[in-house]
C-alpha cells in the first residue's frame, strides 16, 4: 500500500510539473526555499546507479543537481540541451536526481547520451526526501552549487543559455 501511495504522489507531481508551459527565469529570491537548500547543498540521500549511496550535503567543489522525471517532456528537452552543451559543464559534477527506478534512469541516461561522461551521474531518491530538502519544485529544476553554496537555481524548464551563463 505504501508503494502505491508513493507511486501516486510521484505521478501527480510529474503530471503537475510537466503540464506547466511557462518560461522560467532564474530565481533570485531564495526566501521561499526551505532552509536546507536556501544557501547550501540539501541533506538529500541519493542512490547512484552502481547502488552506492551519498548525501548531497557531502558533495565538494562545483556541482549541478538536476531534479527531473524521465517521462517528463520538459526534462527530456533539458537533458538534450545539456548534452548538446556538455562542454559548459566540464568543470562541474552533474547529478541527475529523480524518484524513478534505476532501470528508468539507465534508459534515460542512454537515450540522451549522458551515460558516457565521467562527470555526469544519475541517482534516485524518494519524493519525501525531495520535498523535505527542496520543497515543492517543478520538473526539471536545476541547482548550481560552488563549494557547497547555492549559486543559482532554476525551477522549471529553462533555456540552456540562461543556465550556462551561471556556471
N, C-alpha and C. Protein backbone atom coordinates (compact mmCIF):
# COMPACT_ATOMS: atom_id res chain seq x y z
N UNK A 1 0.82 -1.19 0.00
CA UNK A 1 0.00 0.00 0.00
C UNK A 1 0.87 1.26 0.00
N UNK A 2 2.00 1.21 0.77
CA UNK A 2 2.89 2.36 0.82
C UNK A 2 3.49 2.64 -0.55
N UNK A 3 3.86 1.57 -1.28
CA UNK A 3 4.43 1.74 -2.61
C UNK A 3 3.43 2.36 -3.57
N UNK A 4 2.17 1.97 -3.45
CA UNK A 4 1.13 2.54 -4.30
C UNK A 4 0.98 4.02 -4.01
N UNK A 5 1.02 4.40 -2.72
CA UNK A 5 0.90 5.81 -2.35
C UNK A 5 2.06 6.62 -2.91
N UNK A 6 3.27 6.07 -2.81
CA UNK A 6 4.44 6.77 -3.34
C UNK A 6 4.33 6.94 -4.84
N UNK A 7 3.90 5.88 -5.53
CA UNK A 7 3.73 5.96 -6.98
C UNK A 7 2.68 6.99 -7.37
N UNK A 8 1.59 7.05 -6.63
CA UNK A 8 0.55 8.03 -6.93
C UNK A 8 1.06 9.45 -6.72
N UNK A 9 1.79 9.68 -5.63
CA UNK A 9 2.33 11.01 -5.36
C UNK A 9 3.32 11.40 -6.45
N UNK A 10 4.20 10.47 -6.81
CA UNK A 10 5.18 10.73 -7.86
C UNK A 10 4.48 11.06 -9.17
N UNK A 11 3.47 10.29 -9.50
CA UNK A 11 2.72 10.53 -10.74
C UNK A 11 2.06 11.89 -10.74
N UNK A 12 1.46 12.26 -9.62
CA UNK A 12 0.79 13.56 -9.54
C UNK A 12 1.80 14.69 -9.67
N UNK A 13 2.97 14.56 -9.03
CA UNK A 13 3.99 15.60 -9.14
C UNK A 13 4.50 15.72 -10.57
N UNK A 14 4.68 14.58 -11.24
CA UNK A 14 5.17 14.60 -12.61
C UNK A 14 4.16 15.26 -13.53
N UNK A 15 2.90 14.88 -13.42
CA UNK A 15 1.86 15.45 -14.28
C UNK A 15 1.73 16.94 -14.02
N UNK A 16 1.71 17.33 -12.76
CA UNK A 16 1.56 18.75 -12.43
C UNK A 16 2.74 19.56 -12.95
N UNK A 17 3.93 19.04 -12.77
CA UNK A 17 5.12 19.78 -13.20
C UNK A 17 5.25 19.81 -14.70
N UNK A 18 4.93 18.73 -15.37
CA UNK A 18 5.11 18.65 -16.81
C UNK A 18 4.00 19.36 -17.59
N UNK A 19 2.90 19.67 -16.96
CA UNK A 19 1.82 20.36 -17.66
C UNK A 19 2.01 21.86 -17.70
N UNK A 20 2.98 22.37 -16.98
CA UNK A 20 3.20 23.81 -16.97
C UNK A 20 3.93 24.22 -18.23
N UNK A 21 3.40 25.16 -18.95
CA UNK A 21 4.00 25.64 -20.20
C UNK A 21 4.40 27.10 -20.05
N UNK A 22 5.18 27.38 -19.04
CA UNK A 22 5.58 28.75 -18.83
C UNK A 22 7.09 28.85 -18.90
N UNK A 23 7.56 30.02 -19.29
CA UNK A 23 9.00 30.26 -19.33
C UNK A 23 9.47 30.54 -17.92
N UNK A 24 10.55 29.89 -17.53
CA UNK A 24 11.07 30.08 -16.20
C UNK A 24 12.36 30.87 -16.25
N UNK A 25 12.47 31.81 -15.37
CA UNK A 25 13.65 32.64 -15.24
C UNK A 25 14.41 32.17 -14.00
N UNK A 26 15.67 32.52 -13.88
CA UNK A 26 16.39 32.13 -12.67
C UNK A 26 15.72 32.77 -11.46
N UNK A 27 15.70 32.02 -10.38
CA UNK A 27 15.09 32.53 -9.17
C UNK A 27 16.15 33.22 -8.33
N UNK A 28 15.97 34.50 -8.16
CA UNK A 28 16.92 35.23 -7.33
C UNK A 28 16.40 35.38 -5.91
N UNK A 29 15.08 35.22 -5.71
CA UNK A 29 14.51 35.28 -4.37
C UNK A 29 14.53 33.87 -3.79
N UNK A 30 15.50 33.60 -2.95
CA UNK A 30 15.65 32.27 -2.38
C UNK A 30 14.86 32.11 -1.08
N UNK A 31 14.06 33.10 -0.72
CA UNK A 31 13.37 33.07 0.56
C UNK A 31 12.26 32.02 0.62
N UNK A 32 11.77 31.55 -0.51
CA UNK A 32 10.70 30.56 -0.50
C UNK A 32 11.23 29.14 -0.47
N UNK A 33 12.54 28.96 -0.53
CA UNK A 33 13.14 27.65 -0.49
C UNK A 33 13.37 27.26 0.96
N UNK A 34 13.15 25.98 1.31
CA UNK A 34 13.40 25.57 2.69
C UNK A 34 14.84 25.88 3.10
N UNK A 35 15.07 26.05 4.38
CA UNK A 35 16.39 26.44 4.88
C UNK A 35 17.49 25.49 4.43
N UNK A 36 17.18 24.21 4.28
CA UNK A 36 18.18 23.22 3.90
C UNK A 36 18.80 23.58 2.55
N UNK A 37 18.00 24.01 1.57
CA UNK A 37 18.52 24.28 0.24
C UNK A 37 18.72 25.77 -0.01
N UNK A 38 18.43 26.59 0.98
CA UNK A 38 18.48 28.03 0.77
C UNK A 38 19.86 28.50 0.34
N UNK A 39 20.88 28.10 1.06
CA UNK A 39 22.22 28.56 0.75
C UNK A 39 23.26 27.44 0.67
N UNK A 40 22.84 26.22 0.92
CA UNK A 40 23.81 25.14 0.89
C UNK A 40 23.20 23.87 0.31
N UNK A 41 24.06 22.91 0.06
CA UNK A 41 23.61 21.65 -0.52
C UNK A 41 22.54 21.00 0.37
N UNK A 42 21.54 20.39 -0.25
CA UNK A 42 20.47 19.76 0.54
C UNK A 42 20.96 18.48 1.21
N UNK A 43 20.34 18.15 2.32
CA UNK A 43 20.64 16.90 3.04
C UNK A 43 19.79 15.79 2.46
N UNK A 44 19.93 15.56 1.19
CA UNK A 44 19.12 14.57 0.47
C UNK A 44 19.99 13.35 0.17
N UNK A 45 19.48 12.17 0.49
CA UNK A 45 20.21 10.93 0.22
C UNK A 45 19.91 10.46 -1.19
N UNK A 46 20.97 10.09 -1.90
CA UNK A 46 20.86 9.70 -3.31
C UNK A 46 21.49 8.33 -3.48
N UNK A 47 20.78 7.44 -4.18
CA UNK A 47 21.32 6.13 -4.53
C UNK A 47 21.71 6.18 -5.99
N UNK A 48 23.00 6.04 -6.26
CA UNK A 48 23.51 6.09 -7.63
C UNK A 48 23.24 4.78 -8.36
N UNK A 49 23.44 4.78 -9.67
CA UNK A 49 23.14 3.60 -10.47
C UNK A 49 23.98 2.39 -10.09
N UNK A 50 25.17 2.59 -9.52
CA UNK A 50 26.00 1.47 -9.09
C UNK A 50 25.63 0.99 -7.68
N UNK A 51 24.51 1.48 -7.16
CA UNK A 51 23.95 1.15 -5.84
C UNK A 51 24.69 1.82 -4.68
N UNK A 52 25.71 2.61 -4.96
CA UNK A 52 26.36 3.36 -3.88
C UNK A 52 25.43 4.49 -3.45
N UNK A 53 25.60 4.92 -2.22
CA UNK A 53 24.75 5.98 -1.70
C UNK A 53 25.60 7.15 -1.25
N UNK A 54 25.00 8.33 -1.36
CA UNK A 54 25.68 9.54 -0.90
C UNK A 54 24.65 10.52 -0.41
N UNK A 55 25.13 11.47 0.35
CA UNK A 55 24.30 12.59 0.77
C UNK A 55 24.72 13.78 -0.07
N UNK A 56 23.77 14.46 -0.67
CA UNK A 56 24.11 15.64 -1.47
C UNK A 56 24.88 16.64 -0.62
N UNK A 57 24.61 16.69 0.66
CA UNK A 57 25.27 17.62 1.58
C UNK A 57 26.78 17.40 1.60
N UNK A 58 27.24 16.18 1.28
CA UNK A 58 28.67 15.85 1.34
C UNK A 58 29.42 16.11 0.04
N UNK A 59 28.76 16.62 -0.98
CA UNK A 59 29.43 16.89 -2.25
C UNK A 59 30.39 18.06 -2.08
N UNK A 60 31.51 17.99 -2.80
CA UNK A 60 32.53 19.05 -2.71
C UNK A 60 32.74 19.67 -4.07
N UNK A 61 33.28 20.88 -4.09
CA UNK A 61 33.62 21.54 -5.35
C UNK A 61 32.40 22.10 -6.05
N UNK A 62 32.42 22.02 -7.37
CA UNK A 62 31.34 22.56 -8.20
C UNK A 62 30.39 21.44 -8.59
N UNK A 63 29.11 21.65 -8.30
CA UNK A 63 28.10 20.63 -8.58
C UNK A 63 26.84 21.25 -9.16
N UNK A 64 26.21 20.49 -10.04
CA UNK A 64 24.89 20.84 -10.56
C UNK A 64 23.97 19.68 -10.22
N UNK A 65 22.85 19.99 -9.59
CA UNK A 65 21.85 18.96 -9.31
C UNK A 65 20.64 19.27 -10.18
N UNK A 66 20.27 18.30 -11.01
CA UNK A 66 19.11 18.42 -11.89
C UNK A 66 18.03 17.48 -11.36
N UNK A 67 16.96 18.06 -10.84
CA UNK A 67 15.83 17.26 -10.38
C UNK A 67 14.91 17.06 -11.57
N UNK A 68 14.57 15.80 -11.88
CA UNK A 68 13.82 15.51 -13.09
C UNK A 68 13.01 14.24 -12.95
N UNK A 69 12.17 14.00 -13.95
CA UNK A 69 11.45 12.74 -14.11
C UNK A 69 11.67 12.27 -15.54
N UNK A 70 12.06 11.02 -15.75
CA UNK A 70 12.38 10.53 -17.10
C UNK A 70 11.24 10.67 -18.12
N UNK A 71 10.00 10.59 -17.68
CA UNK A 71 8.89 10.67 -18.63
C UNK A 71 8.36 12.08 -18.84
N UNK A 72 9.01 13.07 -18.29
CA UNK A 72 8.61 14.47 -18.42
C UNK A 72 9.22 15.06 -19.68
N UNK A 73 8.39 15.58 -20.58
CA UNK A 73 8.91 16.12 -21.84
C UNK A 73 9.79 17.35 -21.61
N UNK A 74 9.51 18.16 -20.60
CA UNK A 74 10.36 19.31 -20.28
C UNK A 74 11.74 18.83 -19.84
N UNK A 75 11.76 17.78 -19.04
CA UNK A 75 13.02 17.21 -18.56
C UNK A 75 13.83 16.62 -19.72
N UNK A 76 13.13 16.00 -20.64
CA UNK A 76 13.79 15.41 -21.81
C UNK A 76 14.45 16.50 -22.66
N UNK A 77 13.75 17.61 -22.87
CA UNK A 77 14.34 18.71 -23.64
C UNK A 77 15.55 19.30 -22.90
N UNK A 78 15.44 19.44 -21.59
CA UNK A 78 16.55 19.99 -20.81
C UNK A 78 17.76 19.06 -20.89
N UNK A 79 17.55 17.76 -20.79
CA UNK A 79 18.64 16.79 -20.88
C UNK A 79 19.31 16.86 -22.25
N UNK A 80 18.51 17.00 -23.28
CA UNK A 80 19.07 17.10 -24.64
C UNK A 80 19.93 18.36 -24.76
N UNK A 81 19.45 19.47 -24.21
CA UNK A 81 20.21 20.71 -24.26
C UNK A 81 21.50 20.61 -23.45
N UNK A 82 21.45 19.94 -22.32
CA UNK A 82 22.66 19.76 -21.51
C UNK A 82 23.67 18.93 -22.30
N UNK A 83 23.21 17.86 -22.93
CA UNK A 83 24.11 17.01 -23.71
C UNK A 83 24.73 17.80 -24.86
N UNK A 84 23.94 18.61 -25.53
CA UNK A 84 24.43 19.40 -26.66
C UNK A 84 25.42 20.49 -26.22
N UNK A 85 25.39 20.85 -24.95
CA UNK A 85 26.26 21.88 -24.40
C UNK A 85 27.15 21.31 -23.29
N UNK A 86 27.52 20.06 -23.42
CA UNK A 86 28.22 19.34 -22.36
C UNK A 86 29.53 20.00 -21.97
N UNK A 87 30.21 20.66 -22.91
CA UNK A 87 31.49 21.27 -22.57
C UNK A 87 31.34 22.39 -21.53
N UNK A 88 30.19 23.03 -21.49
CA UNK A 88 29.96 24.08 -20.49
C UNK A 88 29.92 23.51 -19.07
N UNK A 89 29.66 22.21 -18.96
CA UNK A 89 29.52 21.56 -17.65
C UNK A 89 30.78 20.79 -17.24
N UNK A 90 31.86 20.89 -18.02
CA UNK A 90 33.06 20.08 -17.77
C UNK A 90 33.68 20.27 -16.40
N UNK A 91 33.58 21.45 -15.83
CA UNK A 91 34.20 21.70 -14.52
C UNK A 91 33.26 21.39 -13.36
N UNK A 92 32.09 20.85 -13.66
CA UNK A 92 31.09 20.51 -12.65
C UNK A 92 30.83 19.02 -12.62
N UNK A 93 30.48 18.51 -11.45
CA UNK A 93 29.90 17.19 -11.32
C UNK A 93 28.40 17.41 -11.43
N UNK A 94 27.76 16.73 -12.36
CA UNK A 94 26.33 16.93 -12.62
C UNK A 94 25.58 15.70 -12.14
N UNK A 95 24.60 15.90 -11.26
CA UNK A 95 23.80 14.82 -10.71
C UNK A 95 22.36 14.98 -11.17
N UNK A 96 21.90 14.04 -11.99
CA UNK A 96 20.50 13.97 -12.37
C UNK A 96 19.83 13.11 -11.32
N UNK A 97 18.87 13.69 -10.59
CA UNK A 97 18.24 13.00 -9.46
C UNK A 97 16.74 12.94 -9.69
N UNK A 98 16.17 11.77 -9.44
CA UNK A 98 14.75 11.53 -9.69
C UNK A 98 14.22 10.52 -8.67
N UNK A 99 12.92 10.42 -8.59
CA UNK A 99 12.31 9.37 -7.78
C UNK A 99 12.05 8.12 -8.63
N UNK A 100 12.50 8.13 -9.86
CA UNK A 100 12.31 6.99 -10.77
C UNK A 100 13.21 5.82 -10.38
N UNK A 101 12.94 4.66 -10.97
CA UNK A 101 13.73 3.46 -10.69
C UNK A 101 15.09 3.54 -11.39
N UNK A 102 16.00 2.72 -10.94
CA UNK A 102 17.32 2.64 -11.55
C UNK A 102 17.25 2.29 -13.03
N UNK A 103 16.36 1.39 -13.40
CA UNK A 103 16.21 1.00 -14.80
C UNK A 103 15.74 2.17 -15.65
N UNK A 104 14.79 2.94 -15.13
CA UNK A 104 14.31 4.12 -15.86
C UNK A 104 15.43 5.14 -16.02
N UNK A 105 16.24 5.30 -14.98
CA UNK A 105 17.36 6.24 -15.04
C UNK A 105 18.41 5.80 -16.05
N UNK A 106 18.72 4.51 -16.07
CA UNK A 106 19.69 3.98 -17.04
C UNK A 106 19.21 4.21 -18.47
N UNK A 107 17.94 3.95 -18.70
CA UNK A 107 17.36 4.14 -20.03
C UNK A 107 17.45 5.61 -20.44
N UNK A 108 17.09 6.50 -19.54
CA UNK A 108 17.14 7.94 -19.80
C UNK A 108 18.57 8.39 -20.11
N UNK A 109 19.52 7.96 -19.27
CA UNK A 109 20.92 8.33 -19.45
C UNK A 109 21.43 7.88 -20.82
N UNK A 110 21.05 6.70 -21.21
CA UNK A 110 21.48 6.16 -22.51
C UNK A 110 20.80 6.90 -23.66
N UNK A 111 19.50 7.09 -23.54
CA UNK A 111 18.74 7.73 -24.61
C UNK A 111 19.23 9.15 -24.89
N UNK A 112 19.62 9.87 -23.86
CA UNK A 112 20.07 11.25 -24.04
C UNK A 112 21.60 11.35 -24.07
N UNK A 113 22.25 10.21 -24.25
CA UNK A 113 23.71 10.12 -24.44
C UNK A 113 24.49 10.82 -23.34
N UNK A 114 24.03 10.63 -22.11
CA UNK A 114 24.70 11.23 -20.96
C UNK A 114 25.42 10.18 -20.11
N UNK A 115 25.35 8.93 -20.52
CA UNK A 115 25.90 7.84 -19.73
C UNK A 115 27.39 7.60 -19.95
N UNK A 116 28.01 8.30 -20.86
CA UNK A 116 29.43 8.06 -21.15
C UNK A 116 30.35 9.14 -20.57
N UNK A 117 29.81 10.07 -19.83
CA UNK A 117 30.61 11.15 -19.25
C UNK A 117 30.90 10.84 -17.78
N UNK A 118 32.16 10.94 -17.39
CA UNK A 118 32.53 10.61 -16.02
C UNK A 118 32.03 11.64 -15.00
N UNK A 119 31.69 12.83 -15.45
CA UNK A 119 31.22 13.87 -14.52
C UNK A 119 29.69 13.98 -14.48
N UNK A 120 29.01 13.08 -15.17
CA UNK A 120 27.54 13.05 -15.15
C UNK A 120 27.11 11.81 -14.37
N UNK A 121 26.24 11.99 -13.39
CA UNK A 121 25.80 10.90 -12.52
C UNK A 121 24.27 10.88 -12.47
N UNK A 122 23.73 9.69 -12.34
CA UNK A 122 22.29 9.54 -12.20
C UNK A 122 22.00 8.82 -10.89
N UNK A 123 20.98 9.31 -10.18
CA UNK A 123 20.63 8.69 -8.92
C UNK A 123 19.18 8.89 -8.58
N UNK A 124 18.73 8.11 -7.62
CA UNK A 124 17.34 8.20 -7.21
C UNK A 124 17.26 8.55 -5.73
N UNK A 125 16.14 9.14 -5.39
CA UNK A 125 15.81 9.46 -4.01
C UNK A 125 14.30 9.34 -3.88
N UNK A 126 13.79 9.56 -2.72
CA UNK A 126 12.34 9.45 -2.53
C UNK A 126 11.67 10.81 -2.69
N UNK A 127 10.39 10.77 -2.96
CA UNK A 127 9.61 12.01 -3.05
C UNK A 127 9.67 12.74 -1.71
N UNK A 128 9.62 11.99 -0.63
CA UNK A 128 9.68 12.60 0.69
C UNK A 128 10.99 13.37 0.90
N UNK A 129 12.10 12.79 0.44
CA UNK A 129 13.41 13.47 0.57
C UNK A 129 13.44 14.74 -0.27
N UNK A 130 12.87 14.66 -1.46
CA UNK A 130 12.85 15.84 -2.34
C UNK A 130 12.08 16.96 -1.68
N UNK A 131 10.89 16.66 -1.21
CA UNK A 131 10.04 17.68 -0.61
C UNK A 131 10.65 18.24 0.68
N UNK A 132 11.21 17.36 1.52
CA UNK A 132 11.79 17.86 2.77
C UNK A 132 13.08 18.64 2.53
N UNK A 133 13.80 18.33 1.46
CA UNK A 133 15.06 19.03 1.17
C UNK A 133 14.88 20.29 0.34
N UNK A 134 13.98 20.23 -0.64
CA UNK A 134 13.86 21.32 -1.60
C UNK A 134 12.49 21.98 -1.63
N UNK A 135 11.51 21.39 -0.98
CA UNK A 135 10.15 21.89 -1.05
C UNK A 135 9.49 21.41 -2.34
N UNK A 136 8.36 21.98 -2.66
CA UNK A 136 7.69 21.62 -3.91
C UNK A 136 8.42 22.31 -5.06
N UNK A 137 8.77 21.52 -6.06
CA UNK A 137 9.51 22.05 -7.19
C UNK A 137 8.88 21.56 -8.48
N UNK A 138 9.15 22.27 -9.56
CA UNK A 138 8.74 21.83 -10.88
C UNK A 138 9.81 20.91 -11.43
N UNK A 139 9.42 20.08 -12.35
CA UNK A 139 10.40 19.24 -13.05
C UNK A 139 10.55 19.78 -14.46
N UNK A 140 11.77 20.03 -14.88
CA UNK A 140 13.02 19.90 -14.16
C UNK A 140 13.34 21.15 -13.34
N UNK A 141 14.17 20.97 -12.35
CA UNK A 141 14.73 22.09 -11.59
C UNK A 141 16.23 21.89 -11.52
N UNK A 142 16.97 22.97 -11.69
CA UNK A 142 18.43 22.90 -11.74
C UNK A 142 19.00 23.77 -10.62
N UNK A 143 19.93 23.17 -9.85
CA UNK A 143 20.58 23.86 -8.74
C UNK A 143 22.08 23.86 -9.01
N UNK A 144 22.69 25.02 -9.03
CA UNK A 144 24.13 25.14 -9.25
C UNK A 144 24.80 25.51 -7.94
N UNK A 145 25.78 24.69 -7.53
CA UNK A 145 26.49 24.90 -6.27
C UNK A 145 27.98 25.07 -6.53
N UNK A 146 28.59 25.90 -5.73
CA UNK A 146 30.04 26.08 -5.77
C UNK A 146 30.54 26.00 -4.33
N UNK A 147 31.36 25.01 -4.05
CA UNK A 147 31.87 24.76 -2.69
C UNK A 147 30.75 24.69 -1.66
N UNK A 148 29.69 23.98 -2.01
CA UNK A 148 28.59 23.74 -1.08
C UNK A 148 27.58 24.86 -0.96
N UNK A 149 27.80 25.97 -1.60
CA UNK A 149 26.89 27.11 -1.51
C UNK A 149 26.08 27.24 -2.79
N UNK A 150 24.80 27.49 -2.63
CA UNK A 150 23.91 27.66 -3.78
C UNK A 150 24.29 28.93 -4.54
N UNK A 151 24.61 28.75 -5.79
CA UNK A 151 24.99 29.86 -6.66
C UNK A 151 23.78 30.37 -7.45
N UNK A 152 22.98 29.42 -7.95
CA UNK A 152 21.79 29.78 -8.74
C UNK A 152 20.85 28.59 -8.81
N UNK A 153 19.56 28.87 -8.87
CA UNK A 153 18.60 27.79 -9.08
C UNK A 153 17.60 28.19 -10.14
N UNK A 154 17.11 27.20 -10.84
CA UNK A 154 16.11 27.38 -11.89
C UNK A 154 14.99 26.38 -11.61
N UNK A 155 13.80 26.86 -11.41
CA UNK A 155 12.67 26.00 -11.11
C UNK A 155 11.80 25.90 -12.36
N UNK A 156 11.80 24.73 -13.01
CA UNK A 156 11.06 24.52 -14.25
C UNK A 156 11.99 24.58 -15.44
N UNK A 157 11.47 24.22 -16.59
CA UNK A 157 12.27 24.17 -17.81
C UNK A 157 12.88 25.55 -18.08
N UNK A 158 14.18 25.56 -18.32
CA UNK A 158 14.91 26.81 -18.53
C UNK A 158 15.82 26.65 -19.73
N UNK A 159 15.91 27.66 -20.55
CA UNK A 159 16.78 27.62 -21.71
C UNK A 159 18.23 27.41 -21.27
N UNK A 160 18.93 26.59 -21.99
CA UNK A 160 20.30 26.23 -21.62
C UNK A 160 21.23 27.45 -21.58
N UNK A 161 21.00 28.44 -22.42
CA UNK A 161 21.85 29.63 -22.41
C UNK A 161 21.75 30.36 -21.07
N UNK A 162 20.58 30.36 -20.47
CA UNK A 162 20.39 31.00 -19.17
C UNK A 162 21.14 30.21 -18.09
N UNK A 163 21.10 28.90 -18.18
CA UNK A 163 21.78 28.06 -17.18
C UNK A 163 23.30 28.20 -17.32
N UNK A 164 23.80 28.08 -18.53
CA UNK A 164 25.26 28.06 -18.72
C UNK A 164 25.92 29.40 -18.38
N UNK A 165 25.18 30.49 -18.46
CA UNK A 165 25.82 31.77 -18.11
C UNK A 165 26.06 31.89 -16.60
N UNK A 166 25.51 30.97 -15.82
CA UNK A 166 25.71 30.97 -14.36
C UNK A 166 26.71 29.91 -13.91
N UNK A 167 27.28 29.17 -14.85
CA UNK A 167 28.27 28.15 -14.50
C UNK A 167 29.63 28.78 -14.27
